[in-house]
Protein backbone atom coordinates (compact mmCIF):
# COMPACT_ATOMS: atom_id res chain seq x y z
CA MET A 1 21.92 -3.73 14.09
CA SER A 2 24.02 -5.55 11.53
CA ASP A 3 25.04 -4.12 8.19
CA ASP A 4 23.35 -6.87 6.17
CA ARG A 5 19.91 -5.87 7.46
CA ILE A 6 20.11 -2.12 6.81
CA GLN A 7 18.35 -2.58 3.46
CA LEU A 8 15.47 -4.31 5.22
CA TRP A 9 15.16 -1.47 7.75
CA ILE A 10 15.15 1.17 5.01
CA GLY A 11 12.66 -0.84 2.94
CA LEU A 12 10.44 -1.34 5.98
CA CYS A 13 10.43 2.39 6.69
CA VAL A 14 9.52 3.25 3.10
CA VAL A 15 7.00 0.46 2.43
CA GLY A 16 5.59 0.60 5.97
CA GLY A 17 5.02 4.34 5.68
CA PHE A 18 3.30 3.90 2.33
CA CYS A 19 1.21 1.05 3.78
CA ALA A 20 0.15 3.14 6.80
CA TYR A 21 -0.74 6.07 4.51
CA ASN A 22 -2.95 3.82 2.37
CA TRP A 23 -4.62 2.17 5.39
CA TYR A 24 -5.38 5.66 6.73
CA TRP A 25 -7.08 6.75 3.50
CA TYR A 26 -8.95 3.49 3.02
CA ILE A 27 -10.40 3.60 6.53
CA ARG A 28 -11.36 7.25 6.01
CA SER A 29 -12.98 6.28 2.68
CA ILE A 30 -15.00 3.54 4.36
CA ILE A 31 -16.25 6.00 6.97
CA PHE A 32 -17.02 8.65 4.33
CA TYR A 33 -18.90 6.36 1.96
CA ARG A 34 -20.76 4.66 4.82
CA LYS A 35 -22.02 8.05 6.07
CA ASN A 36 -22.79 9.00 2.48
CA GLY A 37 -24.90 5.88 1.85
CA PHE A 38 -22.22 4.46 -0.48
CA ASP A 39 -22.95 7.13 -3.08
CA PHE A 40 -19.94 6.88 -5.37
CA SER A 41 -20.85 10.02 -7.32
CA LYS A 42 -18.66 11.98 -4.89
CA ASP A 43 -14.92 11.35 -4.96
CA PHE A 44 -12.97 11.10 -1.73
CA GLY A 45 -9.33 10.54 -0.89
CA PRO A 46 -6.15 10.85 -2.89
CA ASP A 47 -6.15 10.60 -6.66
CA ILE A 48 -5.19 7.19 -8.00
CA TYR A 49 -4.16 6.77 -11.64
CA PHE A 50 -4.21 3.49 -13.58
CA SER A 51 -1.12 4.54 -15.52
CA GLN A 52 2.22 6.19 -14.98
CA TRP A 53 0.90 9.30 -16.73
CA GLN A 54 -1.17 11.53 -14.51
CA HIS A 55 -3.78 12.42 -17.08
CA GLN A 56 -7.46 12.86 -16.37
CA ARG A 57 -8.49 9.90 -18.55
CA PHE A 58 -6.37 7.51 -16.44
CA LEU A 59 -7.84 8.73 -13.15
CA ALA A 60 -9.61 5.96 -11.23
CA LYS A 61 -13.33 6.44 -10.73
CA PRO A 62 -14.45 6.53 -7.07
CA LYS A 63 -16.07 3.06 -7.18
CA ALA A 64 -13.06 1.46 -8.90
CA LYS A 65 -10.73 3.18 -6.46
CA PHE A 66 -12.72 1.97 -3.43
CA PHE A 67 -13.29 -1.64 -4.55
CA PHE A 68 -10.17 -2.39 -6.61
CA ALA A 69 -7.25 0.03 -6.51
CA MET A 70 -7.00 0.79 -2.80
CA PRO A 71 -7.53 -2.83 -1.63
CA PHE A 72 -4.94 -4.03 -4.15
CA VAL A 73 -2.35 -1.53 -2.90
CA LEU A 74 -3.17 -2.45 0.70
CA VAL A 75 -2.72 -6.17 0.11
CA VAL A 76 0.59 -5.72 -1.71
CA THR A 77 2.12 -3.23 0.76
CA SER A 78 0.88 -5.20 3.78
CA PHE A 79 2.34 -8.44 2.40
CA ILE A 80 5.71 -6.81 1.70
CA SER A 81 5.74 -5.18 5.15
CA ILE A 82 4.95 -8.48 6.87
CA PHE A 83 7.70 -10.21 4.86
CA MET A 84 10.21 -7.55 5.88
CA ILE A 85 9.19 -7.74 9.55
CA LEU A 86 9.50 -11.52 9.58
CA SER A 87 12.91 -11.23 7.92
CA LEU A 88 14.09 -8.72 10.51
CA MET A 89 12.87 -11.00 13.31
CA GLY A 90 14.84 -13.88 11.82
CA ILE A 91 11.81 -16.07 11.15
CA ILE A 92 12.35 -15.86 7.37
CA LYS A 93 15.91 -16.04 6.11
CA PRO A 94 16.37 -13.76 3.10
CA CYS A 95 18.50 -15.35 0.42
CA MET A 96 21.55 -13.11 0.29
CA GLY A 97 24.12 -14.36 -2.20
CA CYS A 98 22.16 -17.43 -3.34
CA GLY A 99 23.79 -17.39 -6.74
CA ARG A 100 27.26 -18.19 -5.39
């Protein structure tokens, strides 16, 4: 392992772990709401806030969390993870020192 790729490995571990955690909860939410008849009056899964302040008024409603917040986080973390994997494989060359 070369020293110039250590940041990619650390980033992959952090982002990949967060991505796996979110996939886990989204799949569990699909199973829960499917068994529940897609009744969004019951909340399931981790709390997601639409702000940096964890106040009750910024808490995502179950339907918004299921259809907007969780898929958005999944797309972003999956894209970043795929980019890091392709960079580590050498398929994508990250621009290190492009400003020189």
